[in-house]
Amino acid sequence: MSETRREPQVPGQPVPGQPATAKPSNWNVPNALTTLRIVMVPFFGWALLYDGGDSVLWRLIAWAIFVVAMVTDKIDGDLARKYGLVTDFGKIADPIADKAITGMAFIGISIITDTWWMWTITVIVLLREWSVTLLRLSVLKSVVIAAAASGKWKTATQALALGLLTLPLLEVGDKVGWLEVPGEITYGLAIVVLLAAFVLTLWSGYEFFRDVWRQRDSLRRGRATEPGTAR
């Protein structure tokens, strides 16, 4: 009896003779967590700026909201990849949710500190973040840019710096004497981390646009060498 040979199955491709796997529904836990992060943005901003940012209680509430947002960002991504729940909605909403919560933190902290250097950092970072996000969502349908290590470090340092600066470090020191020095030290550490995040933001942005240009150039050359393609 002859044995029927089977071609090796390629992961992610449908098996011949079997129906293709249905696309995951947008109604899933990762997308719900992403939506929750978007909904939290105005509440986070309100709590952060309550009483001009001088309220210790509401600054602590804002910090708690920010931490929840960062944790759910990690959880929804892990769940989507582990259980195959990556959807078109998630691809669009997830980066918007991330940039919205961090953007609100940058703007809120700039309003509270009211210094030219903080506003400068905020404007440059937001221009970089939203330009990259809009480029990903608009013109990069045929270009895939892998996540770089610098981008991951940028995200981590931004989250740490913004989380620390959201805390009422100096305000608590003014009201509780023995916390004044620890608060000032932690605030100084937060500024150092913020500057590191700023540098990583610029560098990762440069790497992103560089890789986009290289891939687009490769695609153009590939099309130019195809038979019947005008050069």
C-alpha atoms as a PDB file:
ATOM      1  CA  MET A   1       0.000   0.000   0.000  1.00  0.00           C
ATOM      2  CA  SER A   2       1.420   3.357  -1.015  1.00  0.00           C
ATOM      3  CA  GLU A   3       1.746   5.953   1.681  1.00  0.00           C
ATOM      4  CA  THR A   4       0.307   9.410   0.992  1.00  0.00           C
ATOM      5  CA  ARG A   5       2.937  12.062   1.412  1.00  0.00           C
ATOM      6  CA  ARG A   6       1.970  15.188   3.307  1.00  0.00           C
ATOM      7  CA  GLU A   7       3.595  18.521   2.795  1.00  0.00           C
ATOM      8  CA  PRO A   8       4.903  20.091   5.997  1.00  0.00           C
ATOM      9  CA  GLN A   9       2.477  22.622   7.400  1.00  0.00           C
ATOM     10  CA  VAL A  10       3.710  26.189   7.613  1.00  0.00           C
ATOM     11  CA  PRO A  11       2.663  27.927  10.855  1.00  0.00           C
ATOM     12  CA  GLY A  12       0.060  30.587  10.267  1.00  0.00           C
ATOM     13  CA  GLN A  13      -1.107  29.135   6.922  1.00  0.00           C
ATOM     14  CA  PRO A  14      -4.338  27.163   6.459  1.00  0.00           C
ATOM     15  CA  VAL A  15      -4.078  23.412   5.990  1.00  0.00           C
ATOM     16  CA  PRO A  16      -5.082  22.319   2.444  1.00  0.00           C
ATOM     17  CA  GLY A  17      -8.588  20.895   2.420  1.00  0.00           C
ATOM     18  CA  GLN A  18      -9.522  22.566   5.694  1.00  0.00           C
ATOM     19  CA  PRO A  19     -11.348  25.871   6.141  1.00  0.00           C
ATOM     20  CA  ALA A  20      -9.255  28.876   7.049  1.00  0.00           C
ATOM     21  CA  THR A  21      -9.250  29.888  10.691  1.00  0.00           C
ATOM     22  CA  ALA A  22     -11.789  32.618  11.374  1.00  0.00           C
ATOM     23  CA  LYS A  23     -10.473  36.035  12.316  1.00  0.00           C
ATOM     24  CA  PRO A  24     -10.772  36.766  16.042  1.00  0.00           C
ATOM     25  CA  SER A  25     -13.691  38.917  17.122  1.00  0.00           C
ATOM     26  CA  ASN A  26     -13.084  42.491  18.230  1.00  0.00           C
ATOM     27  CA  TRP A  27     -15.085  41.623  21.347  1.00  0.00           C
ATOM     28  CA  ASN A  28     -12.293  40.178  23.480  1.00  0.00           C
ATOM     29  CA  VAL A  29     -10.422  40.875  26.712  1.00  0.00           C
ATOM     30  CA  PRO A  30      -7.316  42.543  25.201  1.00  0.00           C
ATOM     31  CA  ASN A  31      -9.463  45.021  23.265  1.00  0.00           C
ATOM     32  CA  ALA A  32     -11.564  45.664  26.375  1.00  0.00           C
ATOM     33  CA  LEU A  33      -8.393  46.513  28.326  1.00  0.00           C
ATOM     34  CA  THR A  34      -7.242  48.788  25.514  1.00  0.00           C
ATOM     35  CA  THR A  35     -10.596  50.580  25.533  1.00  0.00           C
ATOM     36  CA  LEU A  36     -10.370  50.897  29.311  1.00  0.00           C
ATOM     37  CA  ARG A  37      -7.019  52.675  28.958  1.00  0.00           C
ATOM     38  CA  ILE A  38      -8.526  55.167  26.533  1.00  0.00           C
ATOM     39  CA  VAL A  39     -11.455  55.814  28.887  1.00  0.00           C
ATOM     40  CA  MET A  40      -9.050  56.360  31.803  1.00  0.00           C
ATOM     41  CA  VAL A  41      -7.177  59.195  30.065  1.00  0.00           C
ATOM     42  CA  PRO A  42      -9.558  62.082  30.957  1.00  0.00           C
ATOM     43  CA  PHE A  43      -9.956  60.787  34.529  1.00  0.00           C
ATOM     44  CA  PHE A  44      -6.170  60.579  34.868  1.00  0.00           C
ATOM     45  CA  GLY A  45      -5.767  64.125  33.549  1.00  0.00           C
ATOM     46  CA  TRP A  46      -8.459  65.479  35.851  1.00  0.00           C
ATOM     47  CA  ALA A  47      -6.979  63.801  38.927  1.00  0.00           C
ATOM     48  CA  LEU A  48      -3.446  64.932  38.041  1.00  0.00           C
ATOM     49  CA  LEU A  49      -4.433  68.584  37.571  1.00  0.00           C
ATOM     50  CA  TYR A  50      -7.004  68.833  40.378  1.00  0.00           C
ATOM     51  CA  ASP A  51      -6.393  71.981  42.437  1.00  0.00           C
ATOM     52  CA  GLY A  52      -3.581  72.934  40.071  1.00  0.00           C
ATOM     53  CA  GLY A  53      -1.744  69.692  40.833  1.00  0.00           C
ATOM     54  CA  ASP A  54      -1.242  70.637  44.487  1.00  0.00           C
ATOM     55  CA  SER A  55      -3.598  68.034  45.949  1.00  0.00           C
ATOM     56  CA  VAL A  56      -1.589  65.155  47.422  1.00  0.00           C
ATOM     57  CA  LEU A  57      -4.607  62.852  47.482  1.00  0.00           C
ATOM     58  CA  TRP A  58      -5.574  63.396  43.855  1.00  0.00           C
ATOM     59  CA  ARG A  59      -1.974  63.146  42.674  1.00  0.00           C
ATOM     60  CA  LEU A  60      -1.818  59.742  44.354  1.00  0.00           C
ATOM     61  CA  ILE A  61      -5.077  58.754  42.637  1.00  0.00           C
ATOM     62  CA  ALA A  62      -3.625  59.924  39.310  1.00  0.00           C
ATOM     63  CA  TRP A  63      -0.516  57.834  39.962  1.00  0.00           C
ATOM     64  CA  ALA A  64      -2.677  54.755  40.676  1.00  0.00           C
ATOM     65  CA  ILE A  65      -4.583  55.282  37.401  1.00  0.00           C
ATOM     66  CA  PHE A  66      -1.313  55.616  35.497  1.00  0.00           C
ATOM     67  CA  VAL A  67       0.068  52.414  37.009  1.00  0.00           C
ATOM     68  CA  VAL A  68      -3.126  50.518  36.111  1.00  0.00           C
ATOM     69  CA  ALA A  69      -2.842  51.829  32.539  1.00  0.00           C
ATOM     70  CA  MET A  70       0.773  50.680  32.215  1.00  0.00           C
ATOM     71  CA  VAL A  71      -0.010  47.252  33.681  1.00  0.00           C
ATOM     72  CA  THR A  72      -3.009  46.689  31.410  1.00  0.00           C
ATOM     73  CA  ASP A  73      -0.879  47.742  28.436  1.00  0.00           C
ATOM     74  CA  LYS A  74       1.449  44.839  29.200  1.00  0.00           C
ATOM     75  CA  ILE A  75      -1.371  42.398  29.924  1.00  0.00           C
ATOM     76  CA  ASP A  76      -3.479  43.061  26.828  1.00  0.00           C
ATOM     77  CA  GLY A  77      -0.482  42.677  24.512  1.00  0.00           C
ATOM     78  CA  ASP A  78       0.552  39.388  26.123  1.00  0.00           C
ATOM     79  CA  LEU A  79      -3.010  38.021  25.990  1.00  0.00           C
ATOM     80  CA  ALA A  80      -3.519  39.031  22.360  1.00  0.00           C
ATOM     81  CA  ARG A  81      -0.322  37.310  21.228  1.00  0.00           C
ATOM     82  CA  LYS A  82      -0.731  34.209  23.408  1.00  0.00           C
ATOM     83  CA  TYR A  83      -4.322  33.441  22.417  1.00  0.00           C
ATOM     84  CA  GLY A  84      -4.274  34.746  18.843  1.00  0.00           C
ATOM     85  CA  LEU A  85      -6.566  37.687  19.586  1.00  0.00           C
ATOM     86  CA  VAL A  86      -4.736  40.273  17.480  1.00  0.00           C
ATOM     87  CA  THR A  87      -7.391  42.294  15.644  1.00  0.00           C
ATOM     88  CA  ASP A  88      -7.457  45.296  13.318  1.00  0.00           C
ATOM     89  CA  PHE A  89      -9.145  47.288  16.080  1.00  0.00           C
ATOM     90  CA  GLY A  90      -6.378  46.389  18.520  1.00  0.00           C
ATOM     91  CA  LYS A  91      -3.645  47.321  16.057  1.00  0.00           C
ATOM     92  CA  ILE A  92      -5.153  50.803  15.757  1.00  0.00           C
ATOM     93  CA  ALA A  93      -6.475  51.391  19.279  1.00  0.00           C
ATOM     94  CA  ASP A  94      -3.511  50.039  21.266  1.00  0.00           C
ATOM     95  CA  PRO A  95      -0.911  52.605  20.108  1.00  0.00           C
ATOM     96  CA  ILE A  96      -3.508  55.375  20.381  1.00  0.00           C
ATOM     97  CA  ALA A  97      -4.252  54.361  23.981  1.00  0.00           C
ATOM     98  CA  ASP A  98      -0.533  54.278  24.834  1.00  0.00           C
ATOM     99  CA  LYS A  99       0.211  57.666  23.321  1.00  0.00           C
ATOM    100  CA  ALA A 100      -2.926  59.207  24.850  1.00  0.00           C
ATOM    101  CA  ILE A 101      -2.087  58.249  28.449  1.00  0.00           C
ATOM    102  CA  THR A 102       1.614  59.135  28.208  1.00  0.00           C
ATOM    103  CA  GLY A 103       0.802  62.325  26.280  1.00  0.00           C
ATOM    104  CA  MET A 104      -1.637  63.381  28.989  1.00  0.00           C
ATOM    105  CA  ALA A 105       1.048  62.683  31.600  1.00  0.00           C
ATOM    106  CA  PHE A 106       3.636  64.784  29.745  1.00  0.00           C
ATOM    107  CA  ILE A 107       1.215  67.688  29.300  1.00  0.00           C
ATOM    108  CA  GLY A 108      -0.089  67.498  32.875  1.00  0.00           C
ATOM    109  CA  ILE A 109       3.393  67.424  34.397  1.00  0.00           C
ATOM    110  CA  SER A 110       4.418  70.335  32.156  1.00  0.00           C
ATOM    111  CA  ILE A 111       1.448  72.365  33.412  1.00  0.00           C
ATOM    112  CA  ILE A 112       2.305  71.562  37.032  1.00  0.00           C
ATOM    113  CA  THR A 113       6.056  72.261  36.796  1.00  0.00           C
ATOM    114  CA  ASP A 114       5.546  75.197  34.366  1.00  0.00           C
ATOM    115  CA  THR A 115       9.170  75.251  33.196  1.00  0.00           C
ATOM    116  CA  TRP A 116      10.458  75.901  29.680  1.00  0.00           C
ATOM    117  CA  TRP A 117      12.610  72.760  29.644  1.00  0.00           C
ATOM    118  CA  MET A 118       9.702  70.475  30.585  1.00  0.00           C
ATOM    119  CA  TRP A 119       7.509  72.009  27.901  1.00  0.00           C
ATOM    120  CA  THR A 120      10.343  71.615  25.371  1.00  0.00           C
ATOM    121  CA  ILE A 121      10.713  67.924  26.212  1.00  0.00           C
ATOM    122  CA  THR A 122       6.953  67.444  26.037  1.00  0.00           C
ATOM    123  CA  VAL A 123       6.526  69.097  22.632  1.00  0.00           C
ATOM    124  CA  ILE A 124       9.439  67.219  21.047  1.00  0.00           C
ATOM    125  CA  VAL A 125       8.398  63.859  22.518  1.00  0.00           C
ATOM    126  CA  LEU A 126       4.768  64.250  21.453  1.00  0.00           C
ATOM    127  CA  LEU A 127       5.775  65.245  17.921  1.00  0.00           C
ATOM    128  CA  ARG A 128       7.989  62.167  17.690  1.00  0.00           C
ATOM    129  CA  GLU A 129       5.440  59.778  19.211  1.00  0.00           C
ATOM    130  CA  TRP A 130       2.442  60.837  17.139  1.00  0.00           C
ATOM    131  CA  SER A 131       4.386  61.111  13.884  1.00  0.00           C
ATOM    132  CA  VAL A 132       5.599  57.523  14.321  1.00  0.00           C
ATOM    133  CA  THR A 133       2.119  56.322  15.272  1.00  0.00           C
ATOM    134  CA  LEU A 134       0.409  58.042  12.345  1.00  0.00           C
ATOM    135  CA  LEU A 135       3.040  56.716   9.952  1.00  0.00           C
ATOM    136  CA  ARG A 136       2.501  53.173  11.216  1.00  0.00           C
ATOM    137  CA  LEU A 137      -1.264  53.478  10.779  1.00  0.00           C
ATOM    138  CA  SER A 138      -1.225  55.142   7.364  1.00  0.00           C
ATOM    139  CA  VAL A 139       1.580  54.315   4.976  1.00  0.00           C
ATOM    140  CA  LEU A 140       3.274  51.258   6.428  1.00  0.00           C
ATOM    141  CA  LYS A 141       0.838  48.610   5.164  1.00  0.00           C
ATOM    142  CA  SER A 142       3.555  46.993   3.074  1.00  0.00           C
ATOM    143  CA  VAL A 143       6.452  47.734   5.409  1.00  0.00           C
ATOM    144  CA  VAL A 144       7.062  45.813   8.622  1.00  0.00           C
ATOM    145  CA  ILE A 145       9.341  47.365  11.214  1.00  0.00           C
ATOM    146  CA  ALA A 146      10.364  45.048  14.024  1.00  0.00           C
ATOM    147  CA  ALA A 147      10.337  46.447  17.547  1.00  0.00           C
ATOM    148  CA  ALA A 148      13.831  47.677  18.365  1.00  0.00           C
ATOM    149  CA  ALA A 149      15.483  47.346  21.754  1.00  0.00           C
ATOM    150  CA  SER A 150      15.802  51.132  21.959  1.00  0.00           C
ATOM    151  CA  GLY A 151      12.020  51.461  21.556  1.00  0.00           C
ATOM    152  CA  LYS A 152      11.395  49.056  24.421  1.00  0.00           C
ATOM    153  CA  TRP A 153      13.845  50.916  26.647  1.00  0.00           C
ATOM    154  CA  LYS A 154      12.212  54.188  25.639  1.00  0.00           C
ATOM    155  CA  THR A 155       8.804  52.899  26.705  1.00  0.00           C
ATOM    156  CA  ALA A 156      10.120  51.585  30.022  1.00  0.00           C
ATOM    157  CA  THR A 157      12.016  54.755  30.945  1.00  0.00           C
ATOM    158  CA  GLN A 158       9.108  56.984  29.931  1.00  0.00           C
ATOM    159  CA  ALA A 159       6.731  54.974  32.122  1.00  0.00           C
ATOM    160  CA  LEU A 160       9.127  55.083  35.090  1.00  0.00           C
ATOM    161  CA  ALA A 161       9.848  58.803  34.781  1.00  0.00           C
ATOM    162  CA  LEU A 162       6.212  59.815  34.265  1.00  0.00           C
ATOM    163  CA  GLY A 163       5.074  57.560  37.098  1.00  0.00           C
ATOM    164  CA  LEU A 164       7.554  59.136  39.519  1.00  0.00           C
ATOM    165  CA  LEU A 165       6.759  62.690  38.404  1.00  0.00           C
ATOM    166  CA  THR A 166       3.047  62.030  38.774  1.00  0.00           C
ATOM    167  CA  LEU A 167       3.642  61.367  42.478  1.00  0.00           C
ATOM    168  CA  PRO A 168       3.448  64.469  44.721  1.00  0.00           C
ATOM    169  CA  LEU A 169       7.103  64.103  45.744  1.00  0.00           C
ATOM    170  CA  LEU A 170       7.791  67.760  46.563  1.00  0.00           C
ATOM    171  CA  GLU A 171       4.264  68.503  47.805  1.00  0.00           C
ATOM    172  CA  VAL A 172       4.452  65.734  50.412  1.00  0.00           C
ATOM    173  CA  GLY A 173       7.799  67.070  51.612  1.00  0.00           C
ATOM    174  CA  ASP A 174       6.251  70.475  52.204  1.00  0.00           C
ATOM    175  CA  LYS A 175       3.575  68.944  54.453  1.00  0.00           C
ATOM    176  CA  VAL A 176       5.543  66.137  56.122  1.00  0.00           C
ATOM    177  CA  GLY A 177       8.966  67.404  57.143  1.00  0.00           C
ATOM    178  CA  TRP A 178      10.835  64.112  57.334  1.00  0.00           C
ATOM    179  CA  LEU A 179       9.803  63.247  53.759  1.00  0.00           C
ATOM    180  CA  GLU A 180      11.292  66.415  52.302  1.00  0.00           C
ATOM    181  CA  VAL A 181      14.773  65.004  51.606  1.00  0.00           C
ATOM    182  CA  PRO A 182      13.570  61.601  50.274  1.00  0.00           C
ATOM    183  CA  GLY A 183      11.070  63.442  48.083  1.00  0.00           C
ATOM    184  CA  GLU A 184      13.724  65.743  46.637  1.00  0.00           C
ATOM    185  CA  ILE A 185      16.099  62.842  45.986  1.00  0.00           C
ATOM    186  CA  THR A 186      13.375  60.820  44.252  1.00  0.00           C
ATOM    187  CA  TYR A 187      12.365  63.875  42.231  1.00  0.00           C
ATOM    188  CA  GLY A 188      15.962  64.349  41.116  1.00  0.00           C
ATOM    189  CA  LEU A 189      16.124  60.666  40.119  1.00  0.00           C
ATOM    190  CA  ALA A 190      12.894  61.074  38.145  1.00  0.00           C
ATOM    191  CA  ILE A 191      14.412  63.998  36.208  1.00  0.00           C
ATOM    192  CA  VAL A 192      17.490  61.915  35.351  1.00  0.00           C
ATOM    193  CA  VAL A 193      15.282  59.061  34.115  1.00  0.00           C
ATOM    194  CA  LEU A 194      13.183  61.568  32.158  1.00  0.00           C
ATOM    195  CA  LEU A 195      16.293  62.879  30.387  1.00  0.00           C
ATOM    196  CA  ALA A 196      17.330  59.303  29.582  1.00  0.00           C
ATOM    197  CA  ALA A 197      13.840  58.654  28.201  1.00  0.00           C
ATOM    198  CA  PHE A 198      14.105  61.824  26.106  1.00  0.00           C
ATOM    199  CA  VAL A 199      17.385  60.697  24.548  1.00  0.00           C
ATOM    200  CA  LEU A 200      16.018  57.189  23.900  1.00  0.00           C
ATOM    201  CA  THR A 201      12.879  58.702  22.367  1.00  0.00           C
ATOM    202  CA  LEU A 202      14.949  60.667  19.862  1.00  0.00           C
ATOM    203  CA  TRP A 203      17.261  57.749  19.093  1.00  0.00           C
ATOM    204  CA  SER A 204      14.488  55.176  18.660  1.00  0.00           C
ATOM    205  CA  GLY A 205      12.636  57.652  16.439  1.00  0.00           C
ATOM    206  CA  TYR A 206      15.727  58.024  14.264  1.00  0.00           C
ATOM    207  CA  GLU A 207      16.061  54.231  14.024  1.00  0.00           C
ATOM    208  CA  PHE A 208      12.412  53.885  13.084  1.00  0.00           C
ATOM    209  CA  PHE A 209      12.494  56.421  10.247  1.00  0.00           C
ATOM    210  CA  ARG A 210      15.840  55.039   9.055  1.00  0.00           C
ATOM    211  CA  ASP A 211      14.440  51.498   8.858  1.00  0.00           C
ATOM    212  CA  VAL A 212      11.287  52.729   7.120  1.00  0.00           C
ATOM    213  CA  TRP A 213      13.351  54.511   4.493  1.00  0.00           C
ATOM    214  CA  ARG A 214      15.528  51.431   3.918  1.00  0.00           C
ATOM    215  CA  GLN A 215      12.560  49.105   3.509  1.00  0.00           C
ATOM    216  CA  ARG A 216      10.696  51.469   1.209  1.00  0.00           C
ATOM    217  CA  ASP A 217      13.835  51.858  -0.891  1.00  0.00           C
ATOM    218  CA  SER A 218      14.189  48.065  -1.101  1.00  0.00           C
ATOM    219  CA  LEU A 219      10.552  47.730  -2.181  1.00  0.00           C
ATOM    220  CA  ARG A 220      11.054  50.324  -4.909  1.00  0.00           C
ATOM    221  CA  ARG A 221      14.131  48.511  -6.230  1.00  0.00           C
ATOM    222  CA  GLY A 222      12.240  45.200  -6.147  1.00  0.00           C
ATOM    223  CA  ARG A 223       9.394  46.610  -8.189  1.00  0.00           C
ATOM    224  CA  ALA A 224      11.797  48.212 -10.665  1.00  0.00           C
ATOM    225  CA  THR A 225      13.449  44.855 -11.447  1.00  0.00           C
ATOM    226  CA  GLU A 226      10.166  42.985 -12.014  1.00  0.00           C
ATOM    227  CA  PRO A 227       9.529  41.991 -15.676  1.00  0.00           C
ATOM    228  CA  GLY A 228       7.511  44.604 -17.535  1.00  0.00           C
ATOM    229  CA  THR A 229       8.088  47.248 -14.867  1.00  0.00           C
ATOM    230  CA  ALA A 230       9.223  50.627 -16.113  1.00  0.00           C
ATOM    231  CA  ARG A 231      12.519  51.785 -14.639  1.00  0.00           C
END
